[in-house]
N, C-alpha and C. Protein backbone atom coordinates (compact mmCIF):
# COMPACT_ATOMS: atom_id res chain seq x y z
N MET A 1 9.68 -3.96 27.27
CA MET A 1 9.90 -3.10 28.78
C MET A 1 10.71 -4.38 29.00
N THR A 2 12.05 -3.84 29.97
CA THR A 2 12.59 -4.40 30.27
C THR A 2 12.71 -4.23 31.91
N ALA A 3 12.46 -5.25 33.00
CA ALA A 3 12.41 -4.92 34.71
C ALA A 3 13.53 -3.78 35.14
N GLY A 4 13.26 -2.90 36.46
CA GLY A 4 14.46 -2.80 36.89
C GLY A 4 13.61 -1.20 36.91
N GLY A 5 13.79 -0.41 38.44
CA GLY A 5 14.10 0.73 38.59
C GLY A 5 12.73 1.69 38.48
N ALA A 6 13.13 3.26 37.31
CA ALA A 6 12.25 3.62 37.21
C ALA A 6 10.86 3.98 36.48
N ARG A 7 11.92 2.78 35.07
CA ARG A 7 11.07 1.99 34.29
C ARG A 7 9.52 1.41 34.62
N ARG A 8 9.33 1.22 35.88
CA ARG A 8 8.33 0.46 36.36
C ARG A 8 7.37 1.28 37.11
N GLY A 9 5.94 1.07 37.24
CA GLY A 9 5.04 1.87 37.52
C GLY A 9 5.07 2.58 38.92
N ARG A 10 4.11 3.28 39.25
CA ARG A 10 4.30 3.43 40.77
C ARG A 10 4.06 1.97 42.05
N ARG A 11 2.91 1.57 40.89
CA ARG A 11 1.98 0.60 41.62
C ARG A 11 2.64 -1.41 41.39
N ASP A 12 3.54 -2.12 41.88
CA ASP A 12 3.99 -3.13 41.62
C ASP A 12 3.22 -3.94 42.33
N ASN A 13 3.34 -5.52 42.41
CA ASN A 13 3.57 -6.39 43.31
C ASN A 13 4.42 -7.35 43.77
N GLY A 14 5.83 -6.96 43.52
CA GLY A 14 7.23 -6.91 44.45
C GLY A 14 7.83 -8.59 43.13
N LEU A 15 6.95 -8.18 42.52
CA LEU A 15 7.59 -9.58 41.87
C LEU A 15 8.34 -8.94 40.34
N ASP A 16 9.81 -9.80 39.87
CA ASP A 16 9.79 -9.63 38.57
C ASP A 16 9.96 -9.54 37.30
N ALA A 17 10.11 -9.30 36.68
CA ALA A 17 10.21 -10.28 34.69
C ALA A 17 11.04 -9.48 33.74
N SER A 18 11.23 -10.50 33.16
CA SER A 18 12.18 -9.65 32.17
C SER A 18 12.10 -8.74 30.70
N GLU A 19 10.82 -9.80 30.86
CA GLU A 19 10.34 -8.66 29.48
C GLU A 19 8.42 -8.52 29.60
N TYR A 20 7.78 -7.33 30.11
CA TYR A 20 6.98 -7.29 30.39
C TYR A 20 6.02 -6.81 29.02
N ALA A 21 4.35 -6.88 29.09
CA ALA A 21 3.49 -6.61 27.97
C ALA A 21 2.00 -6.04 29.02
N VAL A 22 1.95 -5.13 27.52
CA VAL A 22 0.61 -4.91 28.09
C VAL A 22 -0.53 -5.77 28.36
N ALA A 23 -1.63 -6.42 29.02
CA ALA A 23 -2.63 -6.86 29.62
C ALA A 23 -4.09 -6.20 29.18
N GLY A 24 -3.96 -4.91 29.79
CA GLY A 24 -5.12 -4.51 29.25
C GLY A 24 -4.76 -3.10 29.95
N ASP A 25 -6.23 -2.75 30.27
CA ASP A 25 -6.17 -1.09 31.27
C ASP A 25 -7.82 -1.86 32.00
N VAL A 26 -7.44 -1.34 33.90
CA VAL A 26 -8.43 -1.37 34.53
C VAL A 26 -8.56 -0.55 35.18
N ASP A 27 -9.78 -0.71 36.23
CA ASP A 27 -10.37 1.02 36.73
C ASP A 27 -9.00 0.84 37.60
N PRO A 28 -8.78 1.60 38.27
CA PRO A 28 -8.03 1.92 39.48
C PRO A 28 -8.19 1.85 40.93
N ARG A 29 -9.80 1.23 41.02
CA ARG A 29 -10.70 0.95 42.24
C ARG A 29 -10.09 -0.69 42.33
N VAL A 30 -9.39 -1.41 41.06
CA VAL A 30 -9.79 -2.70 42.15
C VAL A 30 -8.42 -2.92 41.17
N GLY A 31 -7.10 -2.34 40.63
CA GLY A 31 -6.22 -2.32 40.08
C GLY A 31 -5.62 -2.97 40.93
N GLU A 32 -5.15 -2.19 42.48
CA GLU A 32 -4.51 -3.06 43.47
C GLU A 32 -4.72 -4.55 43.94
N HIS A 33 -6.36 -4.84 43.87
CA HIS A 33 -6.56 -6.30 44.04
C HIS A 33 -6.02 -7.06 42.98
N LEU A 34 -6.40 -6.98 41.98
CA LEU A 34 -5.74 -7.11 40.54
C LEU A 34 -4.11 -7.93 40.85
N LEU A 35 -3.44 -6.74 40.78
CA LEU A 35 -2.01 -7.01 41.47
C LEU A 35 -1.60 -7.83 43.18
N ASP A 36 -2.53 -8.02 43.89
CA ASP A 36 -3.03 -9.19 44.81
C ASP A 36 -3.12 -10.38 44.20
N VAL A 37 -3.92 -10.56 43.69
CA VAL A 37 -3.99 -12.12 42.74
C VAL A 37 -2.85 -12.66 42.27
N LEU A 38 -2.62 -11.41 40.60
CA LEU A 38 -1.62 -12.00 40.18
C LEU A 38 -0.12 -12.46 40.49
N ALA A 39 0.30 -11.54 41.98
CA ALA A 39 1.22 -12.10 43.09
C ALA A 39 1.07 -13.36 43.04
N ALA A 40 0.18 -13.75 43.39
CA ALA A 40 -0.49 -15.04 44.38
C ALA A 40 -0.62 -16.50 43.18
N GLY A 41 -0.12 -15.71 42.08
CA GLY A 41 -0.05 -16.74 40.97
C GLY A 41 0.91 -16.82 40.81
N GLY A 42 2.30 -16.04 40.85
CA GLY A 42 3.89 -15.83 40.69
C GLY A 42 3.87 -15.08 39.59
N ILE A 43 2.58 -14.62 39.14
CA ILE A 43 2.62 -13.41 37.89
C ILE A 43 3.36 -12.27 37.81
N ALA A 44 4.61 -11.85 37.28
CA ALA A 44 4.88 -10.30 38.02
C ALA A 44 4.50 -9.70 36.99
N ALA A 45 3.95 -8.05 37.88
CA ALA A 45 2.82 -7.71 37.18
C ALA A 45 3.05 -6.12 38.02
N TYR A 46 2.86 -4.19 37.13
CA TYR A 46 2.80 -3.03 37.72
C TYR A 46 1.59 -2.41 36.20
N LEU A 47 1.18 -1.14 37.65
CA LEU A 47 0.01 -0.87 37.15
C LEU A 47 1.41 0.73 36.86
N GLN A 48 0.86 1.47 35.56
CA GLN A 48 1.15 3.01 35.10
C GLN A 48 -0.42 3.68 35.03
N PRO A 49 -0.38 4.75 35.44
CA PRO A 49 -1.57 5.24 34.98
C PRO A 49 -1.52 5.53 33.74
N SER A 50 -2.72 4.77 32.65
CA SER A 50 -2.73 4.95 31.00
C SER A 50 -2.57 6.84 31.13
N ALA A 51 -2.02 7.08 29.72
CA ALA A 51 -2.35 7.42 28.83
C ALA A 51 -1.44 7.99 27.50
N ASP A 52 -2.22 8.57 26.42
CA ASP A 52 -1.88 8.07 25.57
C ASP A 52 -1.04 8.91 24.30
N LEU A 53 0.43 9.09 23.27
CA LEU A 53 0.89 10.09 23.14
C LEU A 53 0.67 9.86 21.66
N ASN A 54 0.54 11.43 21.21
CA ASN A 54 0.41 11.03 19.92
C ASN A 54 1.72 11.05 19.12
N PRO A 55 1.51 9.71 17.95
CA PRO A 55 2.46 9.75 17.45
C PRO A 55 3.25 11.33 16.97
N VAL A 56 2.61 11.62 16.03
CA VAL A 56 2.68 13.14 14.88
C VAL A 56 2.55 14.59 15.78
N THR A 57 1.48 15.02 16.72
CA THR A 57 2.10 15.90 17.28
C THR A 57 2.88 15.90 18.98
N ARG A 58 2.92 14.72 19.61
CA ARG A 58 3.50 14.65 20.54
C ARG A 58 2.84 15.17 21.42
N THR A 59 1.23 15.17 22.11
CA THR A 59 0.55 15.57 22.89
C THR A 59 -0.31 14.22 23.07
N THR A 60 0.05 14.46 24.75
CA THR A 60 -0.51 13.24 26.00
C THR A 60 -1.59 13.96 26.18
N THR A 61 -2.23 12.16 25.88
CA THR A 61 -3.93 13.05 26.08
C THR A 61 -4.41 11.63 27.09
N VAL A 62 -5.01 11.87 28.45
CA VAL A 62 -5.47 11.10 29.20
C VAL A 62 -6.90 10.34 28.69
N PRO A 63 -7.72 9.55 29.60
CA PRO A 63 -8.94 9.13 29.32
C PRO A 63 -10.18 9.85 30.37
N ALA A 64 -11.30 9.53 29.71
CA ALA A 64 -11.83 10.74 29.81
C ALA A 64 -12.51 10.55 31.55
N ARG A 65 -11.75 9.10 32.03
CA ARG A 65 -12.74 7.94 33.08
C ARG A 65 -10.95 7.78 33.53
N PRO A 66 -10.02 7.80 34.99
CA PRO A 66 -8.90 7.83 35.07
C PRO A 66 -8.75 5.92 34.73
N VAL A 67 -7.82 5.87 34.61
CA VAL A 67 -7.95 3.95 33.82
C VAL A 67 -6.77 3.97 34.35
N ASP A 68 -6.16 3.04 34.77
CA ASP A 68 -4.06 2.17 34.14
C ASP A 68 -4.89 0.64 34.24
N ARG A 69 -3.18 1.12 33.42
CA ARG A 69 -3.07 0.02 32.36
C ARG A 69 -2.07 -0.67 33.06
N LEU A 70 -2.47 -2.07 33.06
CA LEU A 70 -2.13 -3.07 33.43
C LEU A 70 -0.15 -3.93 32.44
N TYR A 71 0.87 -4.36 32.91
CA TYR A 71 2.03 -4.42 32.95
C TYR A 71 2.13 -5.99 33.31
N VAL A 72 1.84 -6.92 32.47
CA VAL A 72 3.11 -8.09 33.18
C VAL A 72 3.90 -8.36 32.33
N ASP A 73 4.59 -10.14 32.99
CA ASP A 73 5.21 -10.62 33.00
C ASP A 73 4.86 -11.17 31.58
N ARG A 74 5.42 -10.85 30.33
CA ARG A 74 5.10 -11.47 29.11
C ARG A 74 4.41 -12.95 28.69
N SER A 75 5.54 -13.89 29.27
CA SER A 75 5.42 -15.45 29.49
C SER A 75 3.67 -15.47 30.12
N HIS A 76 3.16 -14.52 30.87
CA HIS A 76 1.72 -14.92 31.80
C HIS A 76 1.10 -14.75 31.00
N LEU A 77 0.97 -13.67 29.41
CA LEU A 77 -0.47 -13.08 29.47
C LEU A 77 -1.17 -12.87 28.99
N THR A 78 -1.37 -14.19 28.48
CA THR A 78 -3.20 -15.11 28.41
C THR A 78 -3.79 -15.34 29.23
N THR A 79 -2.96 -15.71 30.98
CA THR A 79 -3.58 -16.41 31.72
C THR A 79 -3.99 -15.04 32.81
N ALA A 80 -3.12 -13.41 32.48
CA ALA A 80 -3.44 -12.22 33.30
C ALA A 80 -4.53 -11.79 32.31
N ARG A 81 -4.69 -11.41 31.19
CA ARG A 81 -6.12 -11.45 29.82
C ARG A 81 -7.47 -12.29 30.82
N ASP A 82 -7.02 -13.47 31.16
CA ASP A 82 -8.04 -14.61 31.60
C ASP A 82 -8.80 -13.95 32.99
N TYR A 83 -7.90 -13.39 33.45
CA TYR A 83 -8.40 -12.88 35.09
C TYR A 83 -8.27 -11.25 34.67
N LEU A 84 -8.45 -10.70 33.12
CA LEU A 84 -9.40 -9.33 33.15
C LEU A 84 -11.06 -9.67 32.76
N SER A 85 -10.31 -10.22 32.09
CA SER A 85 -11.89 -11.05 31.50
C SER A 85 -13.04 -11.56 33.28
N GLN A 86 -12.50 -12.23 33.38
CA GLN A 86 -12.97 -12.91 34.85
C GLN A 86 -14.00 -11.54 35.50
N LEU A 87 -12.92 -10.40 35.51
CA LEU A 87 -12.96 -9.47 36.35
C LEU A 87 -14.58 -8.32 35.49
N ALA A 88 -13.78 -8.29 34.22
CA ALA A 88 -15.25 -7.80 33.81
C ALA A 88 -16.06 -8.35 33.80
N ASP A 89 -16.46 -10.17 33.53
CA ASP A 89 -17.62 -10.27 33.78
C ASP A 89 -17.96 -10.22 34.82
N GLU A 90 -17.88 -9.98 35.85
CA GLU A 90 -18.41 -9.87 37.23
C GLU A 90 -18.49 -7.87 37.76
N GLY A 91 -17.83 -7.67 37.05
CA GLY A 91 -18.25 -6.13 37.10
C GLY A 91 -19.94 -5.45 36.29
N THR A 92 -20.32 -6.72 35.36
CA THR A 92 -21.21 -6.24 35.03
C THR A 92 -22.59 -6.66 35.62
N PRO A 93 -23.58 -6.18 35.73
CA PRO A 93 -24.60 -6.32 36.04
C PRO A 93 -25.53 -7.15 36.07
N GLU A 94 -26.51 -7.65 37.36
CA GLU A 94 -27.04 -8.70 37.65
C GLU A 94 -28.38 -8.47 36.25
N GLN A 95 -28.16 -9.40 35.26
CA GLN A 95 -30.17 -9.02 35.40
C GLN A 95 -31.29 -9.75 36.00
N PRO A 96 -32.18 -9.03 36.56
CA PRO A 96 -32.74 -9.44 37.41
C PRO A 96 -34.26 -10.91 37.30
N ARG A 97 -34.45 -11.93 37.93
CA ARG A 97 -34.75 -12.77 37.54
C ARG A 97 -36.11 -12.49 37.74
N PRO A 98 -37.22 -12.93 36.62
CA PRO A 98 -37.71 -13.00 36.57
C PRO A 98 -39.13 -13.44 37.76
N ASP A 99 -38.70 -14.04 39.09
CA ASP A 99 -39.27 -14.29 40.39
C ASP A 99 -39.47 -12.68 41.61
N GLU A 100 -38.54 -12.74 40.43
CA GLU A 100 -38.20 -11.81 41.71
C GLU A 100 -38.33 -10.24 41.41
N PRO A 101 -39.05 -9.49 42.25
CA PRO A 101 -40.31 -8.43 42.74
C PRO A 101 -38.88 -7.10 41.44
N ASP A 102 -39.62 -5.72 41.12
CA ASP A 102 -39.02 -5.09 40.63
C ASP A 102 -38.92 -3.86 41.80
N ILE A 103 -37.76 -3.90 42.82
CA ILE A 103 -37.99 -2.97 43.14
C ILE A 103 -38.25 -1.81 43.52
N ASP A 104 -37.47 -1.19 42.55
CA ASP A 104 -37.64 0.16 42.47
C ASP A 104 -39.38 0.58 41.95
N ALA A 105 -39.78 -0.63 41.72
CA ALA A 105 -41.59 -0.33 40.86
C ALA A 105 -42.03 -0.25 42.11
N GLU A 106 -41.76 -1.22 43.11
CA GLU A 106 -42.55 -1.78 44.56
C GLU A 106 -42.40 -0.39 45.21
N TRP A 107 -41.11 0.57 44.90
CA TRP A 107 -40.83 1.13 46.41
C TRP A 107 -42.07 3.18 45.23
N ALA A 108 -41.97 3.18 44.20
CA ALA A 108 -42.63 4.02 43.47
C ALA A 108 -44.01 3.71 43.91
N ARG A 109 -44.83 2.63 43.69
CA ARG A 109 -45.74 2.01 43.99
C ARG A 109 -46.29 2.34 46.31
N ILE A 110 -45.42 2.52 46.35
CA ILE A 110 -45.34 2.84 48.32
C ILE A 110 -45.62 4.14 47.82
N VAL A 111 -44.75 4.74 47.60
CA VAL A 111 -44.77 6.50 47.39
C VAL A 111 -46.22 7.29 47.20
N ALA A 112 -46.25 6.17 45.42
CA ALA A 112 -47.21 7.14 45.45
C ALA A 112 -48.37 6.79 46.54
N GLY A 113 -48.55 5.95 46.81
CA GLY A 113 -49.81 5.72 47.95
C GLY A 113 -49.50 6.23 48.85
N PHE A 114 -48.78 7.20 49.62
CA PHE A 114 -48.34 7.41 51.09
C PHE A 114 -49.10 8.50 51.30
N HIS A 115 -50.56 9.47 50.82
CA HIS A 115 -51.07 10.10 51.03
C HIS A 115 -52.30 9.85 50.72
N THR A 116 -52.18 7.94 50.54
CA THR A 116 -54.24 7.88 50.53
C THR A 116 -54.87 7.41 52.10
N THR A 117 -55.58 7.29 52.28
CA THR A 117 -56.42 6.58 53.12
C THR A 117 -56.28 5.23 53.20
N PRO A 118 -56.26 4.15 54.14
CA PRO A 118 -56.28 2.71 54.07
C PRO A 118 -58.19 2.56 53.78
N ALA A 119 -58.52 1.67 53.01
CA ALA A 119 -59.58 1.00 53.01
C ALA A 119 -60.26 0.41 53.66
N ALA A 120 -61.41 0.60 55.11
CA ALA A 120 -61.49 -0.44 56.09
C ALA A 120 -62.76 -2.03 55.68
């Protein structure tokens, strides 16, 4: 895909490239931030709502949850994919450390003991 006017997505980072390639799909809530990060690195990029076109029936299907497809300068595709993998790693919930209490279990214990009278 070449750079230029109507062929680019609705949201871009203001930089132009001669060729774009798909880096991956991102959550729309973090897409704008990712565009800013890529712009700071001098990488042209834009976002476009993700939809797939069936080659036989020509029907368009959208994903179950909103997803934006990230297009980046083809010469910086590896770097952009590295940013995407870092973003995915940050999005995974951290495992609780063994020395930390289980907050949900402690809260359940407090609620369960709400109507009991304290021992004297």
